[in-house]
All heavy atoms as atom14 arrays in JSON, in Angstrom:
{
  "sequence": "LIIAQTDFHEVEYNQTIGNWDRVGELLGEEAEQLKAAGADFFFIACNT",
  "atom14_mask": [
    [1, 1, 1, 1, 1, 1, 1, 1, 0, 0, 0, 0, 0, 0],
    [1, 1, 1, 1, 1, 1, 1, 1, 0, 0, 0, 0, 0, 0],
    [1, 1, 1, 1, 1, 1, 1, 1, 0, 0, 0, 0, 0, 0],
    [1, 1, 1, 1, 1, 0, 0, 0, 0, 0, 0, 0, 0, 0],
    [1, 1, 1, 1, 1, 1, 1, 1, 1, 0, 0, 0, 0, 0],
    [1, 1, 1, 1, 1, 1, 1, 0, 0, 0, 0, 0, 0, 0],
    [1, 1, 1, 1, 1, 1, 1, 1, 0, 0, 0, 0, 0, 0],
    [1, 1, 1, 1, 1, 1, 1, 1, 1, 1, 1, 0, 0, 0],
    [1, 1, 1, 1, 1, 1, 1, 1, 1, 1, 0, 0, 0, 0],
    [1, 1, 1, 1, 1, 1, 1, 1, 1, 0, 0, 0, 0, 0],
    [1, 1, 1, 1, 1, 1, 1, 0, 0, 0, 0, 0, 0, 0],
    [1, 1, 1, 1, 1, 1, 1, 1, 1, 0, 0, 0, 0, 0],
    [1, 1, 1, 1, 1, 1, 1, 1, 1, 1, 1, 1, 0, 0],
    [1, 1, 1, 1, 1, 1, 1, 1, 0, 0, 0, 0, 0, 0],
    [1, 1, 1, 1, 1, 1, 1, 1, 1, 0, 0, 0, 0, 0],
    [1, 1, 1, 1, 1, 1, 1, 0, 0, 0, 0, 0, 0, 0],
    [1, 1, 1, 1, 1, 1, 1, 1, 0, 0, 0, 0, 0, 0],
    [1, 1, 1, 1, 0, 0, 0, 0, 0, 0, 0, 0, 0, 0],
    [1, 1, 1, 1, 1, 1, 1, 1, 0, 0, 0, 0, 0, 0],
    [1, 1, 1, 1, 1, 1, 1, 1, 1, 1, 1, 1, 1, 1],
    [1, 1, 1, 1, 1, 1, 1, 1, 0, 0, 0, 0, 0, 0],
    [1, 1, 1, 1, 1, 1, 1, 1, 1, 1, 1, 0, 0, 0],
    [1, 1, 1, 1, 1, 1, 1, 0, 0, 0, 0, 0, 0, 0],
    [1, 1, 1, 1, 0, 0, 0, 0, 0, 0, 0, 0, 0, 0],
    [1, 1, 1, 1, 1, 1, 1, 1, 1, 0, 0, 0, 0, 0],
    [1, 1, 1, 1, 1, 1, 1, 1, 0, 0, 0, 0, 0, 0],
    [1, 1, 1, 1, 1, 1, 1, 1, 0, 0, 0, 0, 0, 0],
    [1, 1, 1, 1, 0, 0, 0, 0, 0, 0, 0, 0, 0, 0],
    [1, 1, 1, 1, 1, 1, 1, 1, 1, 0, 0, 0, 0, 0],
    [1, 1, 1, 1, 1, 1, 1, 1, 1, 0, 0, 0, 0, 0],
    [1, 1, 1, 1, 1, 0, 0, 0, 0, 0, 0, 0, 0, 0],
    [1, 1, 1, 1, 1, 1, 1, 1, 1, 0, 0, 0, 0, 0],
    [1, 1, 1, 1, 1, 1, 1, 1, 1, 0, 0, 0, 0, 0],
    [1, 1, 1, 1, 1, 1, 1, 1, 0, 0, 0, 0, 0, 0],
    [1, 1, 1, 1, 1, 1, 1, 1, 1, 0, 0, 0, 0, 0],
    [1, 1, 1, 1, 1, 0, 0, 0, 0, 0, 0, 0, 0, 0],
    [1, 1, 1, 1, 1, 0, 0, 0, 0, 0, 0, 0, 0, 0],
    [1, 1, 1, 1, 0, 0, 0, 0, 0, 0, 0, 0, 0, 0],
    [1, 1, 1, 1, 1, 0, 0, 0, 0, 0, 0, 0, 0, 0],
    [1, 1, 1, 1, 1, 1, 1, 1, 0, 0, 0, 0, 0, 0],
    [1, 1, 1, 1, 1, 1, 1, 1, 1, 1, 1, 0, 0, 0],
    [1, 1, 1, 1, 1, 1, 1, 1, 1, 1, 1, 0, 0, 0],
    [1, 1, 1, 1, 1, 1, 1, 1, 1, 1, 1, 0, 0, 0],
    [1, 1, 1, 1, 1, 1, 1, 1, 0, 0, 0, 0, 0, 0],
    [1, 1, 1, 1, 1, 0, 0, 0, 0, 0, 0, 0, 0, 0],
    [1, 1, 1, 1, 1, 1, 0, 0, 0, 0, 0, 0, 0, 0],
    [1, 1, 1, 1, 1, 1, 1, 1, 0, 0, 0, 0, 0, 0],
    [1, 1, 1, 1, 1, 1, 1, 0, 0, 0, 0, 0, 0, 0]
  ],
  "atom14_positions": [
    [[-7.3, -71.83, 103.48], [-7.78, -70.69, 104.26], [-9.3, -70.68, 104.34], [-9.98, -70.98, 103.36], [-7.25, -69.41, 103.61], [-7.46, -68.07, 104.26], [-6.33, -67.12, 103.86], [-8.78, -67.46, 103.84], [0.0, 0.0, 0.0], [0.0, 0.0, 0.0], [0.0, 0.0, 0.0], [0.0, 0.0, 0.0], [0.0, 0.0, 0.0], [0.0, 0.0, 0.0]],
    [[-9.82, -70.35, 105.52], [-11.26, -70.24, 105.75], [-11.53, -68.9, 106.42], [-10.84, -68.53, 107.37], [-11.78, -71.38, 106.65], [-11.42, -72.75, 106.07], [-13.29, -71.25, 106.85], [-11.57, -73.88, 107.07], [0.0, 0.0, 0.0], [0.0, 0.0, 0.0], [0.0, 0.0, 0.0], [0.0, 0.0, 0.0], [0.0, 0.0, 0.0], [0.0, 0.0, 0.0]],
    [[-12.52, -68.18, 105.92], [-12.89, -66.89, 106.53], [-14.3, -67.01, 107.1], [-15.22, -67.47, 106.43], [-12.86, -65.75, 105.49], [-11.44, -65.57, 104.93], [-13.33, -64.44, 106.13], [-11.34, -64.53, 103.83], [0.0, 0.0, 0.0], [0.0, 0.0, 0.0], [0.0, 0.0, 0.0], [0.0, 0.0, 0.0], [0.0, 0.0, 0.0], [0.0, 0.0, 0.0]],
    [[-14.45, -66.59, 108.35], [-15.77, -66.45, 108.98], [-15.98, -64.97, 109.24], [-15.06, -64.27, 109.65], [-15.84, -67.24, 110.28], [0.0, 0.0, 0.0], [0.0, 0.0, 0.0], [0.0, 0.0, 0.0], [0.0, 0.0, 0.0], [0.0, 0.0, 0.0], [0.0, 0.0, 0.0], [0.0, 0.0, 0.0], [0.0, 0.0, 0.0], [0.0, 0.0, 0.0]],
    [[-17.16, -64.49, 108.99], [-17.4, -63.05, 109.1], [-18.73, -62.79, 109.8], [-19.76, -63.35, 109.44], [-17.41, -62.43, 107.7], [-17.61, -60.92, 107.69], [-17.22, -60.33, 106.36], [-16.07, -60.41, 105.95], [-18.18, -59.74, 105.67], [0.0, 0.0, 0.0], [0.0, 0.0, 0.0], [0.0, 0.0, 0.0], [0.0, 0.0, 0.0], [0.0, 0.0, 0.0]],
    [[-18.66, -61.94, 110.82], [-19.86, -61.51, 111.51], [-20.22, -60.11, 111.05], [-19.44, -59.45, 110.35], [-19.67, -61.57, 113.03], [-20.93, -61.39, 113.68], [-18.68, -60.51, 113.51], [0.0, 0.0, 0.0], [0.0, 0.0, 0.0], [0.0, 0.0, 0.0], [0.0, 0.0, 0.0], [0.0, 0.0, 0.0], [0.0, 0.0, 0.0], [0.0, 0.0, 0.0]],
    [[-21.39, -59.63, 111.43], [-21.83, -58.29, 111.03], [-21.12, -57.25, 111.89], [-21.31, -57.2, 113.11], [-23.35, -58.19, 111.2], [-23.9, -56.85, 110.72], [-23.11, -56.01, 110.25], [-25.12, -56.65, 110.82], [0.0, 0.0, 0.0], [0.0, 0.0, 0.0], [0.0, 0.0, 0.0], [0.0, 0.0, 0.0], [0.0, 0.0, 0.0], [0.0, 0.0, 0.0]],
    [[-20.28, -56.44, 111.27], [-19.49, -55.46, 112.01], [-20.37, -54.47, 112.76], [-19.98, -53.97, 113.82], [-18.55, -54.72, 111.04], [-17.62, -53.75, 111.72], [-16.89, -54.13, 112.83], [-17.45, -52.47, 111.22], [-16.02, -53.25, 113.46], [-16.6, -51.58, 111.84], [-15.88, -51.98, 112.96], [0.0, 0.0, 0.0], [0.0, 0.0, 0.0], [0.0, 0.0, 0.0]],
    [[-21.54, -54.2, 112.24], [-22.45, -53.26, 112.92], [-22.75, -53.73, 114.34], [-22.72, -52.93, 115.29], [-23.75, -53.12, 112.12], [-24.8, -52.3, 112.82], [-24.79, -50.93, 112.8], [-25.87, -52.67, 113.57], [-25.81, -50.47, 113.51], [-26.49, -51.52, 113.99], [0.0, 0.0, 0.0], [0.0, 0.0, 0.0], [0.0, 0.0, 0.0], [0.0, 0.0, 0.0]],
    [[-23.03, -55.01, 114.5], [-23.35, -55.52, 115.83], [-22.13, -55.49, 116.75], [-22.24, -55.15, 117.93], [-23.89, -56.95, 115.74], [-24.37, -57.49, 117.09], [-25.04, -58.84, 116.99], [-25.08, -59.43, 115.89], [-25.52, -59.32, 118.04], [0.0, 0.0, 0.0], [0.0, 0.0, 0.0], [0.0, 0.0, 0.0], [0.0, 0.0, 0.0], [0.0, 0.0, 0.0]],
    [[-20.97, -55.82, 116.21], [-19.75, -55.76, 117.0], [-19.48, -54.33, 117.47], [-19.2, -54.08, 118.65], [-18.55, -56.31, 116.2], [-17.24, -56.07, 116.94], [-18.74, -57.79, 115.91], [0.0, 0.0, 0.0], [0.0, 0.0, 0.0], [0.0, 0.0, 0.0], [0.0, 0.0, 0.0], [0.0, 0.0, 0.0], [0.0, 0.0, 0.0], [0.0, 0.0, 0.0]],
    [[-19.55, -53.38, 116.54], [-19.27, -51.99, 116.88], [-20.29, -51.44, 117.88], [-19.94, -50.68, 118.79], [-19.24, -51.13, 115.61], [-19.17, -49.62, 115.85], [-18.01, -49.19, 116.71], [-17.06, -49.97, 116.91], [-18.06, -48.04, 117.2], [0.0, 0.0, 0.0], [0.0, 0.0, 0.0], [0.0, 0.0, 0.0], [0.0, 0.0, 0.0], [0.0, 0.0, 0.0]],
    [[-21.55, -51.82, 117.73], [-22.56, -51.38, 118.69], [-22.2, -51.83, 120.1], [-22.26, -51.04, 121.06], [-23.93, -51.93, 118.3], [-24.98, -51.72, 119.38], [-25.54, -50.46, 119.6], [-25.39, -52.78, 120.19], [-26.48, -50.26, 120.6], [-26.34, -52.59, 121.19], [-26.87, -51.33, 121.39], [-27.79, -51.15, 122.38], [0.0, 0.0, 0.0], [0.0, 0.0, 0.0]],
    [[-21.82, -53.08, 120.25], [-21.49, -53.6, 121.58], [-20.18, -53.02, 122.11], [-20.03, -52.85, 123.33], [-21.46, -55.13, 121.55], [-22.85, -55.72, 121.54], [-23.53, -55.74, 122.57], [-23.31, -56.18, 120.38], [0.0, 0.0, 0.0], [0.0, 0.0, 0.0], [0.0, 0.0, 0.0], [0.0, 0.0, 0.0], [0.0, 0.0, 0.0], [0.0, 0.0, 0.0]],
    [[-19.24, -52.7, 121.23], [-18.05, -51.98, 121.66], [-18.44, -50.62, 122.24], [-17.94, -50.21, 123.3], [-17.09, -51.77, 120.48], [-16.36, -53.0, 120.02], [-15.51, -52.76, 118.79], [-14.77, -53.63, 118.38], [-15.61, -51.6, 118.18], [0.0, 0.0, 0.0], [0.0, 0.0, 0.0], [0.0, 0.0, 0.0], [0.0, 0.0, 0.0], [0.0, 0.0, 0.0]],
    [[-19.3, -49.92, 121.53], [-19.68, -48.56, 121.92], [-20.34, -48.53, 123.29], [-20.1, -47.62, 124.09], [-20.62, -47.96, 120.87], [-19.97, -47.95, 119.59], [-21.01, -46.53, 121.23], [0.0, 0.0, 0.0], [0.0, 0.0, 0.0], [0.0, 0.0, 0.0], [0.0, 0.0, 0.0], [0.0, 0.0, 0.0], [0.0, 0.0, 0.0], [0.0, 0.0, 0.0]],
    [[-21.17, -49.53, 123.59], [-21.86, -49.54, 124.88], [-21.06, -50.28, 125.95], [-21.51, -50.42, 127.1], [-23.27, -50.17, 124.76], [-23.21, -51.65, 124.38], [-24.12, -49.38, 123.77], [-24.56, -52.35, 124.39], [0.0, 0.0, 0.0], [0.0, 0.0, 0.0], [0.0, 0.0, 0.0], [0.0, 0.0, 0.0], [0.0, 0.0, 0.0], [0.0, 0.0, 0.0]],
    [[-19.86, -50.73, 125.59], [-18.99, -51.38, 126.56], [-19.34, -52.81, 126.88], [-18.89, -53.35, 127.91], [0.0, 0.0, 0.0], [0.0, 0.0, 0.0], [0.0, 0.0, 0.0], [0.0, 0.0, 0.0], [0.0, 0.0, 0.0], [0.0, 0.0, 0.0], [0.0, 0.0, 0.0], [0.0, 0.0, 0.0], [0.0, 0.0, 0.0], [0.0, 0.0, 0.0]],
    [[-20.11, -53.47, 126.03], [-20.51, -54.86, 126.26], [-19.49, -55.8, 125.61], [-19.77, -56.48, 124.61], [-21.91, -55.11, 125.71], [-22.48, -56.45, 126.14], [-21.8, -57.24, 126.78], [-23.72, -56.71, 125.77], [0.0, 0.0, 0.0], [0.0, 0.0, 0.0], [0.0, 0.0, 0.0], [0.0, 0.0, 0.0], [0.0, 0.0, 0.0], [0.0, 0.0, 0.0]],
    [[-18.31, -55.86, 126.18], [-17.23, -56.66, 125.61], [-17.48, -58.16, 125.76], [-16.96, -58.96, 124.98], [-15.89, -56.26, 126.23], [-15.5, -54.88, 125.82], [-15.66, -53.73, 126.54], [-14.93, -54.48, 124.57], [-15.21, -52.64, 125.83], [-14.76, -53.08, 124.62], [-14.54, -55.17, 123.41], [-14.22, -52.36, 123.55], [-14.01, -54.46, 122.35], [-13.85, -53.06, 122.43]],
    [[-18.29, -58.53, 126.75], [-18.66, -59.95, 126.86], [-19.42, -60.41, 125.62], [-19.22, -61.52, 125.13], [-19.51, -60.19, 128.11], [-18.7, -60.15, 129.39], [-17.46, -60.33, 129.32], [-19.29, -59.95, 130.47], [0.0, 0.0, 0.0], [0.0, 0.0, 0.0], [0.0, 0.0, 0.0], [0.0, 0.0, 0.0], [0.0, 0.0, 0.0], [0.0, 0.0, 0.0]],
    [[-20.3, -59.55, 125.12], [-21.06, -59.89, 123.91], [-20.14, -59.94, 122.69], [-20.29, -60.82, 121.83], [-22.19, -58.88, 123.7], [-23.02, -59.12, 122.43], [-23.63, -60.51, 122.41], [-24.46, -60.71, 121.21], [-24.75, -61.9, 120.72], [-24.33, -63.01, 121.32], [-25.5, -62.02, 119.63], [0.0, 0.0, 0.0], [0.0, 0.0, 0.0], [0.0, 0.0, 0.0]],
    [[-19.18, -59.01, 122.62], [-18.2, -59.06, 121.53], [-17.46, -60.39, 121.57], [-17.28, -61.06, 120.54], [-17.22, -57.88, 121.62], [-16.1, -58.02, 120.58], [-17.94, -56.55, 121.43], [0.0, 0.0, 0.0], [0.0, 0.0, 0.0], [0.0, 0.0, 0.0], [0.0, 0.0, 0.0], [0.0, 0.0, 0.0], [0.0, 0.0, 0.0], [0.0, 0.0, 0.0]],
    [[-17.03, -60.78, 122.77], [-16.33, -62.06, 122.91], [-17.18, -63.24, 122.51], [-16.7, -64.19, 121.86], [0.0, 0.0, 0.0], [0.0, 0.0, 0.0], [0.0, 0.0, 0.0], [0.0, 0.0, 0.0], [0.0, 0.0, 0.0], [0.0, 0.0, 0.0], [0.0, 0.0, 0.0], [0.0, 0.0, 0.0], [0.0, 0.0, 0.0], [0.0, 0.0, 0.0]],
    [[-18.46, -63.19, 122.86], [-19.38, -64.27, 122.49], [-19.55, -64.36, 120.98], [-19.49, -65.45, 120.4], [-20.73, -64.04, 123.16], [-21.76, -65.12, 122.9], [-23.09, -64.83, 123.57], [-23.25, -63.76, 124.17], [-23.99, -65.7, 123.46], [0.0, 0.0, 0.0], [0.0, 0.0, 0.0], [0.0, 0.0, 0.0], [0.0, 0.0, 0.0], [0.0, 0.0, 0.0]],
    [[-19.76, -63.21, 120.34], [-19.95, -63.18, 118.9], [-18.74, -63.76, 118.16], [-18.88, -64.59, 117.25], [-20.21, -61.75, 118.42], [-21.56, -61.14, 118.73], [-21.54, -59.64, 118.47], [-22.66, -61.81, 117.88], [0.0, 0.0, 0.0], [0.0, 0.0, 0.0], [0.0, 0.0, 0.0], [0.0, 0.0, 0.0], [0.0, 0.0, 0.0], [0.0, 0.0, 0.0]],
    [[-17.55, -63.33, 118.55], [-16.35, -63.74, 117.84], [-15.92, -65.15, 118.24], [-15.33, -65.88, 117.42], [-15.23, -62.74, 118.06], [-15.58, -61.31, 117.58], [-14.37, -60.39, 117.71], [-16.09, -61.32, 116.15], [0.0, 0.0, 0.0], [0.0, 0.0, 0.0], [0.0, 0.0, 0.0], [0.0, 0.0, 0.0], [0.0, 0.0, 0.0], [0.0, 0.0, 0.0]],
    [[-16.25, -65.55, 119.47], [-16.0, -66.93, 119.86], [-16.84, -67.9, 119.03], [-16.37, -68.98, 118.66], [0.0, 0.0, 0.0], [0.0, 0.0, 0.0], [0.0, 0.0, 0.0], [0.0, 0.0, 0.0], [0.0, 0.0, 0.0], [0.0, 0.0, 0.0], [0.0, 0.0, 0.0], [0.0, 0.0, 0.0], [0.0, 0.0, 0.0], [0.0, 0.0, 0.0]],
    [[-18.07, -67.49, 118.73], [-18.93, -68.31, 117.86], [-18.32, -68.44, 116.47], [-18.37, -69.51, 115.84], [-20.32, -67.69, 117.78], [-21.12, -67.8, 119.06], [-22.41, -66.99, 119.01], [-22.65, -66.31, 117.99], [-23.17, -67.05, 119.99], [0.0, 0.0, 0.0], [0.0, 0.0, 0.0], [0.0, 0.0, 0.0], [0.0, 0.0, 0.0], [0.0, 0.0, 0.0]],
    [[-17.74, -67.35, 115.96], [-17.1, -67.41, 114.64], [-15.89, -68.34, 114.67], [-15.64, -69.09, 113.71], [-16.68, -66.0, 114.2], [-17.81, -65.02, 114.02], [-18.84, -65.48, 113.01], [-18.44, -66.05, 111.98], [-20.04, -65.28, 113.25], [0.0, 0.0, 0.0], [0.0, 0.0, 0.0], [0.0, 0.0, 0.0], [0.0, 0.0, 0.0], [0.0, 0.0, 0.0]],
    [[-15.13, -68.3, 115.77], [-13.97, -69.19, 115.89], [-14.41, -70.65, 115.88], [-13.75, -71.51, 115.26], [-13.2, -68.87, 117.17], [0.0, 0.0, 0.0], [0.0, 0.0, 0.0], [0.0, 0.0, 0.0], [0.0, 0.0, 0.0], [0.0, 0.0, 0.0], [0.0, 0.0, 0.0], [0.0, 0.0, 0.0], [0.0, 0.0, 0.0], [0.0, 0.0, 0.0]],
    [[-15.51, -70.95, 116.53], [-16.02, -72.32, 116.53], [-16.48, -72.75, 115.14], [-16.34, -73.92, 114.76], [-17.16, -72.46, 117.54], [-16.69, -72.52, 118.98], [-15.85, -73.76, 119.25], [-16.43, -74.85, 119.44], [-14.59, -73.65, 119.25], [0.0, 0.0, 0.0], [0.0, 0.0, 0.0], [0.0, 0.0, 0.0], [0.0, 0.0, 0.0], [0.0, 0.0, 0.0]],
    [[-17.0, -71.81, 114.37], [-17.35, -72.13, 112.98], [-16.1, -72.46, 112.17], [-16.1, -73.37, 111.34], [-18.1, -70.96, 112.35], [-19.51, -70.77, 112.88], [-20.29, -69.77, 112.05], [-20.11, -69.67, 110.84], [-21.18, -69.03, 112.7], [0.0, 0.0, 0.0], [0.0, 0.0, 0.0], [0.0, 0.0, 0.0], [0.0, 0.0, 0.0], [0.0, 0.0, 0.0]],
    [[-15.03, -71.71, 112.41], [-13.77, -72.0, 111.72], [-13.26, -73.38, 112.09], [-12.78, -74.13, 111.22], [-12.73, -70.94, 112.1], [-12.98, -69.52, 111.57], [-11.99, -68.55, 112.2], [-12.86, -69.48, 110.05], [0.0, 0.0, 0.0], [0.0, 0.0, 0.0], [0.0, 0.0, 0.0], [0.0, 0.0, 0.0], [0.0, 0.0, 0.0], [0.0, 0.0, 0.0]],
    [[-13.33, -73.71, 113.36], [-12.89, -75.03, 113.82], [-13.7, -76.13, 113.15], [-13.15, -77.12, 112.66], [-13.02, -75.11, 115.34], [-12.62, -76.46, 115.93], [-12.83, -76.46, 117.44], [-12.54, -77.84, 118.03], [-12.77, -77.86, 119.49], [0.0, 0.0, 0.0], [0.0, 0.0, 0.0], [0.0, 0.0, 0.0], [0.0, 0.0, 0.0], [0.0, 0.0, 0.0]],
    [[-15.02, -75.95, 113.11], [-15.89, -76.96, 112.5], [-15.6, -77.12, 111.01], [-15.77, -78.21, 110.45], [-17.36, -76.58, 112.72], [0.0, 0.0, 0.0], [0.0, 0.0, 0.0], [0.0, 0.0, 0.0], [0.0, 0.0, 0.0], [0.0, 0.0, 0.0], [0.0, 0.0, 0.0], [0.0, 0.0, 0.0], [0.0, 0.0, 0.0], [0.0, 0.0, 0.0]],
    [[-15.15, -76.04, 110.38], [-14.86, -76.08, 108.94], [-13.48, -76.65, 108.64], [-13.14, -76.85, 107.47], [-14.99, -74.69, 108.34], [0.0, 0.0, 0.0], [0.0, 0.0, 0.0], [0.0, 0.0, 0.0], [0.0, 0.0, 0.0], [0.0, 0.0, 0.0], [0.0, 0.0, 0.0], [0.0, 0.0, 0.0], [0.0, 0.0, 0.0], [0.0, 0.0, 0.0]],
    [[-12.66, -76.87, 109.69], [-11.37, -77.51, 109.48], [-10.15, -76.64, 109.69], [-9.03, -77.07, 109.38], [0.0, 0.0, 0.0], [0.0, 0.0, 0.0], [0.0, 0.0, 0.0], [0.0, 0.0, 0.0], [0.0, 0.0, 0.0], [0.0, 0.0, 0.0], [0.0, 0.0, 0.0], [0.0, 0.0, 0.0], [0.0, 0.0, 0.0], [0.0, 0.0, 0.0]],
    [[-10.31, -75.43, 110.24], [-9.15, -74.58, 110.5], [-8.28, -75.19, 111.6], [-8.79, -75.75, 112.57], [-9.59, -73.18, 110.92], [0.0, 0.0, 0.0], [0.0, 0.0, 0.0], [0.0, 0.0, 0.0], [0.0, 0.0, 0.0], [0.0, 0.0, 0.0], [0.0, 0.0, 0.0], [0.0, 0.0, 0.0], [0.0, 0.0, 0.0], [0.0, 0.0, 0.0]],
    [[-6.96, -75.08, 111.43], [-6.02, -75.58, 112.44], [-5.71, -74.54, 113.49], [-5.31, -74.87, 114.61], [-4.71, -76.02, 111.76], [-4.92, -77.23, 110.87], [-5.33, -78.28, 111.39], [-4.68, -77.12, 109.65], [0.0, 0.0, 0.0], [0.0, 0.0, 0.0], [0.0, 0.0, 0.0], [0.0, 0.0, 0.0], [0.0, 0.0, 0.0], [0.0, 0.0, 0.0]],
    [[-5.84, -73.28, 113.15], [-5.66, -72.16, 114.07], [-6.36, -70.97, 113.45], [-6.86, -71.04, 112.32], [-4.17, -71.87, 114.29], [-3.44, -71.4, 113.06], [-3.32, -70.04, 112.77], [-2.88, -72.31, 112.17], [-2.65, -69.6, 111.63], [-2.21, -71.88, 111.02], [-2.1, -70.52, 110.75], [0.0, 0.0, 0.0], [0.0, 0.0, 0.0], [0.0, 0.0, 0.0]],
    [[-6.45, -69.87, 114.18], [-7.11, -68.7, 113.61], [-6.48, -67.42, 114.13], [-5.69, -67.42, 115.07], [-8.61, -68.72, 113.93], [-8.99, -68.29, 115.34], [-9.55, -67.04, 115.58], [-8.81, -69.15, 116.42], [-9.92, -66.65, 116.86], [-9.18, -68.76, 117.7], [-9.73, -67.52, 117.93], [0.0, 0.0, 0.0], [0.0, 0.0, 0.0], [0.0, 0.0, 0.0]],
    [[-6.83, -66.34, 113.46], [-6.52, -65.01, 113.98], [-7.71, -64.11, 113.71], [-8.6, -64.43, 112.92], [-5.23, -64.44, 113.39], [-5.27, -64.11, 111.91], [-5.82, -62.93, 111.45], [-4.73, -64.99, 110.98], [-5.85, -62.61, 110.1], [-4.75, -64.69, 109.62], [-5.32, -63.49, 109.18], [0.0, 0.0, 0.0], [0.0, 0.0, 0.0], [0.0, 0.0, 0.0]],
    [[-7.73, -62.97, 114.39], [-8.83, -62.02, 114.28], [-8.31, -60.81, 113.52], [-7.33, -60.17, 113.94], [-9.34, -61.6, 115.67], [-9.67, -62.85, 116.5], [-10.55, -60.7, 115.55], [-9.75, -62.58, 117.99], [0.0, 0.0, 0.0], [0.0, 0.0, 0.0], [0.0, 0.0, 0.0], [0.0, 0.0, 0.0], [0.0, 0.0, 0.0], [0.0, 0.0, 0.0]],
    [[-8.93, -60.48, 112.41], [-8.45, -59.43, 111.51], [-8.87, -58.04, 112.0], [-9.48, -57.26, 111.28], [-8.96, -59.69, 110.1], [0.0, 0.0, 0.0], [0.0, 0.0, 0.0], [0.0, 0.0, 0.0], [0.0, 0.0, 0.0], [0.0, 0.0, 0.0], [0.0, 0.0, 0.0], [0.0, 0.0, 0.0], [0.0, 0.0, 0.0], [0.0, 0.0, 0.0]],
    [[-8.51, -57.74, 113.24], [-8.87, -56.46, 113.85], [-8.08, -56.31, 115.14], [-7.97, -57.27, 115.92], [-10.37, -56.42, 114.14], [-10.92, -54.95, 115.02], [0.0, 0.0, 0.0], [0.0, 0.0, 0.0], [0.0, 0.0, 0.0], [0.0, 0.0, 0.0], [0.0, 0.0, 0.0], [0.0, 0.0, 0.0], [0.0, 0.0, 0.0], [0.0, 0.0, 0.0]],
    [[-7.56, -55.12, 115.39], [-6.88, -54.85, 116.66], [-7.87, -54.61, 117.79], [-7.76, -55.18, 118.87], [-5.96, -53.63, 116.53], [-4.7, -53.9, 115.76], [-3.67, -54.25, 116.32], [-4.77, -53.75, 114.44], [0.0, 0.0, 0.0], [0.0, 0.0, 0.0], [0.0, 0.0, 0.0], [0.0, 0.0, 0.0], [0.0, 0.0, 0.0], [0.0, 0.0, 0.0]],
    [[-8.85, -53.73, 117.54], [-9.74, -53.27, 118.6], [-10.41, -54.41, 119.35], [-10.47, -54.4, 120.59], [-10.81, -52.33, 118.01], [-10.17, -51.14, 117.52], [-11.82, -51.94, 119.06], [0.0, 0.0, 0.0], [0.0, 0.0, 0.0], [0.0, 0.0, 0.0], [0.0, 0.0, 0.0], [0.0, 0.0, 0.0], [0.0, 0.0, 0.0], [0.0, 0.0, 0.0]]
  ]
}
């Protein structure tokens, strides 16, 4: 198992202002870090 973690404050700020493209960019970058570290698949530990 590999965990990548971004700063929730930045994610929540962009959610609040409706900048979902930035949320997607931030979490897409984390997914790429997981891939580089050897993850075979991933999930996002959040519904929102």
